[in-house]
Amino acid sequence: MGTSRSSFNPLTPGISALRGYRRGWLRGDMVAGITVAAYLIPQVMAYAEVAGLAPVTGLWAIMASLLVYTVFGTSRQLSVGPESSTALMTAVAIAPLAAGDPGRYAVLATALALLVGTLCVLGWLGRLGFLADLLSRPVLVGYMAGIAVLMIVGQLGKLGRVSVSGESILAQLWSFADQLDRIHPPTLLLAAGVLVFLLVVGRTLPRLPVPLIGVLLATAVTAVFSLRDRGVKVIGEVPAGFPTPGFPTCPGPT
């Protein structure tokens, strides 16, 4: 990587790598950075909603995490971003405690993120990464498959713009099926079109950034055909500026 042994700092390997940066890497890194940002922006907003938070929360969170990884990260090729299972587990853990209060929900989510981050740092200090090797491949595959099913079922309501309820997958599926007559056709057509595009083009042209192209096309179709005026829900205006950093305060009883 062009970094001499004497200039390497194990506590800030990212800074050490930047000191040995080569001009020949700039073009490739700029293309990679623009590409990652293009799909990361809608991704973090979507996963913030999966976690039960406002979409703009994802933008705030990813900016801080990318800056931290720039300093403390050890790989130049690693893509840093949100993870679906983490977002889903955040919603499952926080929702019962928030009692429907958005402010309380945000505070609890912040406290959970700080707690998990602290445990990860302690695990790094204790060199406990080997524990991940104890998880067998069938367990990991089953876990990821289960998360995928939960994610799909959890998004059914948004595909048809209906309110899906239920504590289990079967209950949510039944709730969705019971409201088939209330599905919003423009929303369903847009979702189905994006899904068909991802499946067909992803299989025929696997080298293309198909998810990124799908997001851009869906955005363009929504704007050109004024689907928002036809009842298709969009993110809307994203608040400008940054929140004031601070530790979460203990919310009062509801």
Protein backbone atom coordinates (compact mmCIF):
# COMPACT_ATOMS: atom_id res chain seq x y z
CA MET A 1 0.00 0.00 0.00
CA GLY A 2 3.00 2.26 -0.10
CA THR A 3 3.15 2.80 3.68
CA SER A 4 6.53 2.33 5.33
CA ARG A 5 6.79 0.23 8.45
CA SER A 6 8.03 3.23 10.45
CA SER A 7 5.02 5.41 9.57
CA PHE A 8 2.43 2.71 10.34
CA ASN A 9 0.32 3.31 13.44
CA PRO A 10 -1.73 0.26 14.53
CA LEU A 11 -4.25 2.52 16.28
CA THR A 12 -4.95 4.62 13.17
CA PRO A 13 -4.15 2.40 10.18
CA GLY A 14 -6.37 4.49 7.90
CA ILE A 15 -4.28 7.60 8.45
CA SER A 16 -1.12 5.57 7.91
CA ALA A 17 -2.46 4.35 4.57
CA LEU A 18 -3.33 7.90 3.47
CA ARG A 19 0.24 9.00 4.12
CA GLY A 20 1.43 6.52 1.50
CA TYR A 21 -1.37 7.26 -0.97
CA ARG A 22 -0.47 7.12 -4.68
CA ARG A 23 -1.84 9.43 -7.33
CA GLY A 24 -2.50 6.46 -9.59
CA TRP A 25 -5.19 5.26 -7.20
CA LEU A 26 -7.19 8.50 -7.36
CA ARG A 27 -9.25 7.85 -10.49
CA GLY A 28 -10.34 4.37 -9.44
CA ASP A 29 -11.10 5.51 -5.91
CA MET A 30 -13.23 8.42 -7.17
CA VAL A 31 -15.29 6.13 -9.42
CA ALA A 32 -15.71 3.67 -6.56
CA GLY A 33 -16.66 6.43 -4.13
CA ILE A 34 -19.29 7.93 -6.42
CA THR A 35 -20.76 4.48 -7.12
CA VAL A 36 -20.92 3.56 -3.45
CA ALA A 37 -22.50 6.91 -2.53
CA ALA A 38 -25.13 6.53 -5.27
CA TYR A 39 -26.49 3.27 -3.86
CA LEU A 40 -25.62 3.97 -0.22
CA ILE A 41 -27.87 7.04 0.08
CA PRO A 42 -31.16 5.24 -0.71
CA GLN A 43 -29.93 2.15 1.14
CA VAL A 44 -29.30 3.89 4.45
CA MET A 45 -32.64 5.70 4.28
CA ALA A 46 -34.45 2.42 3.61
CA TYR A 47 -32.71 0.57 6.45
CA ALA A 48 -33.40 3.45 8.82
CA GLU A 49 -37.10 2.94 8.13
CA VAL A 50 -36.69 -0.81 8.67
CA ALA A 51 -35.17 0.02 12.06
CA GLY A 52 -38.20 2.20 12.81
CA LEU A 53 -36.39 5.54 12.52
CA ALA A 54 -36.79 8.54 10.24
CA PRO A 55 -35.03 8.10 6.85
CA VAL A 56 -32.72 11.06 7.49
CA THR A 57 -31.34 9.19 10.52
CA GLY A 58 -29.61 6.80 8.15
CA LEU A 59 -27.82 9.66 6.42
CA TRP A 60 -26.58 11.07 9.71
CA ALA A 61 -25.40 7.66 10.92
CA ILE A 62 -23.52 6.66 7.78
CA MET A 63 -21.59 9.95 7.58
CA ALA A 64 -20.15 9.45 11.05
CA SER A 65 -19.36 5.78 10.54
CA LEU A 66 -17.55 6.40 7.24
CA LEU A 67 -15.38 9.08 8.83
CA VAL A 68 -14.54 6.80 11.75
CA TYR A 69 -13.61 3.93 9.43
CA THR A 70 -11.39 6.25 7.39
CA VAL A 71 -9.25 6.68 10.50
CA PHE A 72 -9.47 3.27 12.16
CA GLY A 73 -10.20 0.95 9.21
CA THR A 74 -7.63 -1.58 8.07
CA SER A 75 -8.85 -2.33 4.52
CA ARG A 76 -8.94 -0.09 1.45
CA GLN A 77 -11.38 -2.39 -0.35
CA LEU A 78 -14.00 -2.91 2.37
CA SER A 79 -17.44 -1.39 1.75
CA VAL A 80 -18.93 0.08 4.94
CA GLY A 81 -22.68 0.40 5.15
CA PRO A 82 -25.88 -0.60 6.95
CA GLU A 83 -26.87 -4.20 7.47
CA SER A 84 -30.43 -5.51 7.16
CA SER A 85 -30.37 -7.89 10.12
CA THR A 86 -29.04 -5.17 12.43
CA ALA A 87 -31.80 -2.79 11.35
CA LEU A 88 -34.44 -5.47 11.84
CA MET A 89 -33.18 -6.50 15.27
CA THR A 90 -33.07 -2.84 16.32
CA ALA A 91 -36.75 -2.48 15.51
CA VAL A 92 -37.64 -5.70 17.34
CA ALA A 93 -35.69 -4.68 20.46
CA ILE A 94 -36.73 -1.02 20.62
CA ALA A 95 -40.37 -0.99 19.51
CA PRO A 96 -41.83 -2.60 22.68
CA LEU A 97 -39.87 -0.19 24.91
CA ALA A 98 -40.68 2.98 22.96
CA ALA A 99 -44.44 2.62 23.47
CA GLY A 100 -45.17 4.45 20.22
CA ASP A 101 -43.25 7.62 21.19
CA PRO A 102 -40.94 8.66 18.27
CA GLY A 103 -38.69 10.73 20.53
CA ARG A 104 -38.28 7.91 23.02
CA TYR A 105 -37.67 5.49 20.15
CA ALA A 106 -34.81 7.60 18.77
CA VAL A 107 -33.19 7.93 22.20
CA LEU A 108 -33.40 4.20 22.84
CA ALA A 109 -32.00 3.40 19.39
CA THR A 110 -29.07 5.74 20.04
CA ALA A 111 -28.38 4.14 23.41
CA LEU A 112 -28.52 0.67 21.82
CA ALA A 113 -26.05 1.69 19.09
CA LEU A 114 -23.60 3.08 21.66
CA LEU A 115 -23.94 -0.04 23.82
CA VAL A 116 -23.29 -2.38 20.89
CA GLY A 117 -20.37 -0.26 19.73
CA THR A 118 -18.84 -0.38 23.22
CA LEU A 119 -19.19 -4.17 23.34
CA CYS A 120 -17.52 -4.44 19.91
CA VAL A 121 -14.57 -2.33 21.09
CA LEU A 122 -14.24 -4.48 24.21
CA GLY A 123 -14.35 -7.59 22.01
CA TRP A 124 -11.58 -6.14 19.83
CA LEU A 125 -9.46 -5.37 22.88
CA GLY A 126 -9.99 -8.91 24.15
CA ARG A 127 -9.18 -10.42 20.71
CA LEU A 128 -12.54 -12.24 20.71
CA GLY A 129 -13.01 -12.29 16.95
CA PHE A 130 -12.29 -16.04 16.90
CA LEU A 131 -15.74 -16.61 18.44
CA ALA A 132 -17.29 -15.94 15.04
CA ASP A 133 -15.51 -19.02 13.71
CA LEU A 134 -17.49 -21.17 16.16
CA LEU A 135 -20.71 -20.50 14.24
CA SER A 136 -21.23 -23.28 11.70
CA ARG A 137 -22.11 -22.53 8.09
CA PRO A 138 -25.63 -24.08 8.34
CA VAL A 139 -26.39 -21.79 11.29
CA LEU A 140 -25.25 -18.70 9.38
CA VAL A 141 -27.13 -19.71 6.22
CA GLY A 142 -30.28 -20.37 8.22
CA TYR A 143 -29.94 -17.06 10.02
CA MET A 144 -29.53 -15.09 6.78
CA ALA A 145 -32.42 -16.96 5.14
CA GLY A 146 -34.65 -16.19 8.10
CA ILE A 147 -33.70 -12.52 8.01
CA ALA A 148 -34.50 -12.42 4.28
CA VAL A 149 -37.97 -13.87 4.90
CA LEU A 150 -38.63 -11.41 7.72
CA MET A 151 -37.50 -8.51 5.53
CA ILE A 152 -39.73 -9.56 2.62
CA VAL A 153 -42.81 -10.07 4.78
CA GLY A 154 -42.13 -6.83 6.65
CA GLN A 155 -42.20 -4.85 3.40
CA LEU A 156 -45.45 -6.30 2.03
CA GLY A 157 -47.46 -3.43 3.43
CA LYS A 158 -45.36 -0.89 1.57
CA LEU A 159 -45.68 -2.79 -1.70
CA GLY A 160 -49.44 -2.31 -1.65
CA ARG A 161 -49.73 0.71 0.66
CA VAL A 162 -51.74 -1.18 3.24
CA SER A 163 -51.28 -1.50 6.98
CA VAL A 164 -49.98 -4.96 7.87
CA SER A 165 -50.17 -6.10 11.49
CA GLY A 166 -49.26 -9.25 13.41
CA GLU A 167 -46.59 -10.59 15.73
CA SER A 168 -45.59 -13.53 13.52
CA ILE A 169 -44.87 -14.12 9.83
CA LEU A 170 -48.07 -16.09 9.35
CA ALA A 171 -50.11 -13.39 11.07
CA GLN A 172 -48.60 -10.70 8.87
CA LEU A 173 -49.19 -12.74 5.72
CA TRP A 174 -52.81 -13.27 6.74
CA SER A 175 -53.20 -9.55 7.47
CA PHE A 176 -51.83 -8.70 4.02
CA ALA A 177 -54.03 -11.26 2.26
CA ASP A 178 -57.07 -9.96 4.10
CA GLN A 179 -56.50 -6.50 2.57
CA LEU A 180 -55.88 -7.42 -1.06
CA ASP A 181 -58.95 -5.42 -2.09
CA ARG A 182 -57.40 -2.26 -0.55
CA ILE A 183 -54.06 -2.45 -2.39
CA HIS A 184 -53.04 0.77 -4.12
CA PRO A 185 -52.55 -0.17 -7.83
CA PRO A 186 -49.92 2.49 -8.80
CA THR A 187 -47.75 1.57 -5.81
CA LEU A 188 -48.03 -2.14 -6.56
CA LEU A 189 -47.23 -1.64 -10.26
CA LEU A 190 -44.14 0.42 -9.46
CA ALA A 191 -42.90 -2.16 -6.94
CA ALA A 192 -43.58 -5.05 -9.31
CA GLY A 193 -41.78 -3.25 -12.14
CA VAL A 194 -38.68 -2.70 -10.01
CA LEU A 195 -38.71 -6.32 -8.85
CA VAL A 196 -39.01 -7.68 -12.41
CA PHE A 197 -36.20 -5.36 -13.52
CA LEU A 198 -33.91 -6.59 -10.74
CA LEU A 199 -34.58 -10.25 -11.45
CA VAL A 200 -34.42 -10.14 -15.25
CA VAL A 201 -31.60 -7.66 -15.81
CA GLY A 202 -29.64 -9.00 -12.82
CA ARG A 203 -29.62 -12.44 -14.42
CA THR A 204 -28.95 -11.38 -18.00
CA LEU A 205 -26.42 -8.62 -17.29
CA PRO A 206 -24.81 -9.55 -13.97
CA ARG A 207 -21.87 -7.16 -14.38
CA LEU A 208 -24.08 -4.07 -14.34
CA PRO A 209 -24.87 -2.29 -11.05
CA VAL A 210 -28.48 -3.46 -11.38
CA PRO A 211 -29.76 -2.31 -7.94
CA LEU A 212 -28.35 1.17 -8.52
CA ILE A 213 -29.91 1.38 -11.99
CA GLY A 214 -33.22 0.12 -10.60
CA VAL A 215 -33.29 2.83 -7.94
CA LEU A 216 -32.48 5.54 -10.48
CA LEU A 217 -35.14 4.30 -12.91
CA ALA A 218 -37.79 4.09 -10.18
CA THR A 219 -36.94 7.64 -9.09
CA ALA A 220 -37.14 8.89 -12.67
CA VAL A 221 -40.49 7.14 -13.32
CA THR A 222 -41.91 8.58 -10.10
CA ALA A 223 -40.88 12.10 -11.10
CA VAL A 224 -41.80 11.96 -14.80
CA PHE A 225 -45.26 10.46 -14.28
CA SER A 226 -45.97 12.44 -11.09
CA LEU A 227 -46.71 9.28 -9.17
CA ARG A 228 -46.68 11.22 -5.92
CA ASP A 229 -49.85 12.99 -7.07
CA ARG A 230 -51.36 9.56 -7.76
CA GLY A 231 -50.88 8.47 -4.17
CA VAL A 232 -47.47 6.82 -4.32
CA LYS A 233 -45.65 7.63 -1.09
CA VAL A 234 -42.12 9.06 -1.35
CA ILE A 235 -39.53 10.10 1.21
CA GLY A 236 -40.29 13.76 0.59
CA GLU A 237 -38.11 16.61 1.74
CA VAL A 238 -35.03 15.55 3.69
CA PRO A 239 -34.19 17.94 6.56
CA ALA A 240 -31.03 19.96 6.01
CA GLY A 241 -28.20 20.30 8.49
CA PHE A 242 -26.90 18.00 11.20
CA PRO A 243 -28.19 17.17 14.68
CA THR A 244 -26.25 18.35 17.69
CA PRO A 245 -24.05 15.49 18.93
CA GLY A 246 -24.70 14.32 22.45
CA PHE A 247 -25.31 11.31 24.64
CA PRO A 248 -28.89 10.05 24.96
CA THR A 249 -30.75 11.12 28.07
CA CYS A 250 -32.95 8.71 29.92
CA PRO A 251 -36.53 9.17 28.70
CA GLY A 252 -39.21 9.65 31.27
CA PRO A 253 -42.02 7.17 31.88
CA THR A 254 -44.92 7.10 29.44
